[in-house]
Amino acid sequence: QVQLVESGGGLVQPGGSLRLSCAASGNIFSSATMGWYRQAPGKQRELVALMTSGGNTNVADSVKGRFTISRDNAKNTVDLQMNSLKPEDTAVYYCYAGVRGLGAYWGQGTQVTVSS
């Protein structure tokens, strides 16, 4: 059974930083594309950043230069470092794992609120 557990959300002022972390279990990490999506109130869930098992990344234009995705294959974790946060970054952030032939898995979500 695959489980994704996120941590690190919270309230931060505009211009501040947060780091999200996702721990994966279920023996999928080494072959999975891992990453983050977010969903703001009244909006569809959108891609933030993904990283393949080989280290290739796909980062949304809206966060390029501010957010950095990384993964630790030894610890089965994928992190999202978020800098220069803006109010429009406010959303529930979901950890994602995609494995060819098995499908997609999601964490429970963690709230990020950027407000003064």
Protein backbone atom coordinates (compact mmCIF):
# COMPACT_ATOMS: atom_id res chain seq x y z
CA GLN A 1 0.00 0.00 0.00
CA VAL A 2 1.34 3.40 -1.02
CA GLN A 3 1.24 6.24 1.46
CA LEU A 4 2.34 9.83 0.99
CA VAL A 5 2.59 12.02 4.08
CA GLU A 6 3.18 15.74 3.73
CA SER A 7 4.53 18.17 6.29
CA GLY A 8 5.69 21.75 6.44
CA GLY A 9 2.71 23.89 5.51
CA GLY A 10 1.61 26.95 7.43
CA LEU A 11 1.13 30.70 7.45
CA VAL A 12 3.84 32.96 6.10
CA GLN A 13 4.10 36.62 5.16
CA PRO A 14 4.57 37.68 1.54
CA GLY A 15 8.22 37.36 0.57
CA GLY A 16 8.78 34.61 3.11
CA SER A 17 9.82 30.99 2.68
CA LEU A 18 8.45 27.56 3.51
CA ARG A 19 9.70 24.06 2.89
CA LEU A 20 7.29 21.21 2.24
CA SER A 21 8.32 17.61 2.63
CA CYS A 22 6.65 14.40 1.53
CA ALA A 23 7.59 10.96 2.80
CA ALA A 24 6.62 8.00 0.64
CA SER A 25 6.16 4.40 1.64
CA GLY A 26 5.18 1.35 -0.34
CA ASN A 27 8.31 0.51 -2.34
CA ILE A 28 7.48 2.76 -5.26
CA PHE A 29 9.80 5.66 -4.71
CA SER A 30 12.73 4.57 -6.84
CA SER A 31 10.59 4.22 -9.97
CA ALA A 32 8.08 6.99 -9.36
CA THR A 33 7.77 10.48 -10.71
CA MET A 34 7.30 12.54 -7.56
CA GLY A 35 6.18 16.07 -7.04
CA TRP A 36 3.66 18.62 -5.96
CA TYR A 37 0.35 19.97 -7.11
CA ARG A 38 -1.76 22.69 -5.51
CA GLN A 39 -5.38 23.71 -5.40
CA ALA A 40 -6.58 27.16 -4.46
CA PRO A 41 -10.20 27.82 -3.42
CA GLY A 42 -12.49 27.80 -6.43
CA LYS A 43 -9.74 26.68 -8.79
CA GLN A 44 -8.65 23.41 -10.35
CA ARG A 45 -5.70 21.47 -9.05
CA GLU A 46 -2.55 22.52 -10.90
CA LEU A 47 0.96 21.26 -11.32
CA VAL A 48 3.64 22.96 -9.25
CA ALA A 49 6.72 20.82 -9.82
CA LEU A 50 7.59 17.24 -10.71
CA MET A 51 10.81 15.25 -10.69
CA THR A 52 11.31 11.92 -12.42
CA SER A 53 13.28 9.06 -10.95
CA GLY A 54 16.10 10.10 -13.27
CA GLY A 55 16.14 13.66 -11.96
CA ASN A 56 14.38 15.48 -14.78
CA THR A 57 12.11 18.27 -13.61
CA ASN A 58 8.97 20.01 -14.78
CA VAL A 59 8.24 23.27 -12.97
CA ALA A 60 5.25 25.56 -13.49
CA ASP A 61 6.10 28.93 -15.00
CA SER A 62 4.32 30.70 -12.16
CA VAL A 63 6.86 29.40 -9.62
CA LYS A 64 10.05 29.13 -11.67
CA GLY A 65 12.94 30.86 -9.98
CA ARG A 66 11.14 30.82 -6.63
CA PHE A 67 10.37 27.15 -5.93
CA THR A 68 12.84 24.28 -6.02
CA ILE A 69 11.99 20.58 -6.00
CA SER A 70 14.38 17.97 -4.70
CA ARG A 71 14.23 14.31 -3.79
CA ASP A 72 16.26 12.01 -1.60
CA ASN A 73 16.06 8.47 -2.91
CA ALA A 74 17.73 7.07 0.20
CA LYS A 75 15.09 8.60 2.48
CA ASN A 76 12.13 8.26 0.08
CA THR A 77 11.33 11.94 0.41
CA VAL A 78 10.55 14.74 -2.00
CA ASP A 79 10.78 18.36 -0.86
CA LEU A 80 9.58 21.67 -2.20
CA GLN A 81 11.52 24.75 -1.14
CA MET A 82 9.33 27.79 -1.64
CA ASN A 83 10.92 31.23 -1.57
CA SER A 84 9.61 34.72 -2.28
CA LEU A 85 6.09 33.54 -1.56
CA LYS A 86 3.17 35.54 -2.88
CA PRO A 87 -0.47 35.70 -1.77
CA GLU A 88 -1.41 33.89 -4.99
CA ASP A 89 0.63 30.90 -3.81
CA THR A 90 -2.00 30.31 -1.14
CA ALA A 91 -3.44 26.83 -1.68
CA VAL A 92 -3.59 23.30 -0.41
CA TYR A 93 -0.44 21.57 -1.62
CA TYR A 94 -0.61 17.87 -2.48
CA CYS A 95 2.23 15.43 -2.79
CA TYR A 96 2.01 13.27 -5.91
CA ALA A 97 3.54 9.98 -6.96
CA GLY A 98 3.06 8.53 -10.42
CA VAL A 99 4.20 5.07 -11.34
CA ARG A 100 3.83 3.64 -14.83
CA GLY A 101 1.48 0.71 -14.76
CA LEU A 102 0.28 1.44 -11.23
CA GLY A 103 -1.27 4.87 -11.48
CA ALA A 104 -1.23 8.02 -9.41
CA TYR A 105 -1.13 8.46 -5.66
CA TRP A 106 -1.85 11.54 -3.57
CA GLY A 107 -1.10 12.78 -0.11
CA GLN A 108 -3.75 14.28 2.15
CA GLY A 109 -2.67 17.85 1.42
CA THR A 110 -1.11 20.60 3.49
CA GLN A 111 -2.33 24.19 3.67
CA VAL A 112 -0.02 27.02 2.67
CA THR A 113 -1.30 30.52 3.39
CA VAL A 114 0.62 33.61 2.32
CA SER A 115 -0.79 36.68 4.01
CA SER A 116 0.29 39.73 5.95
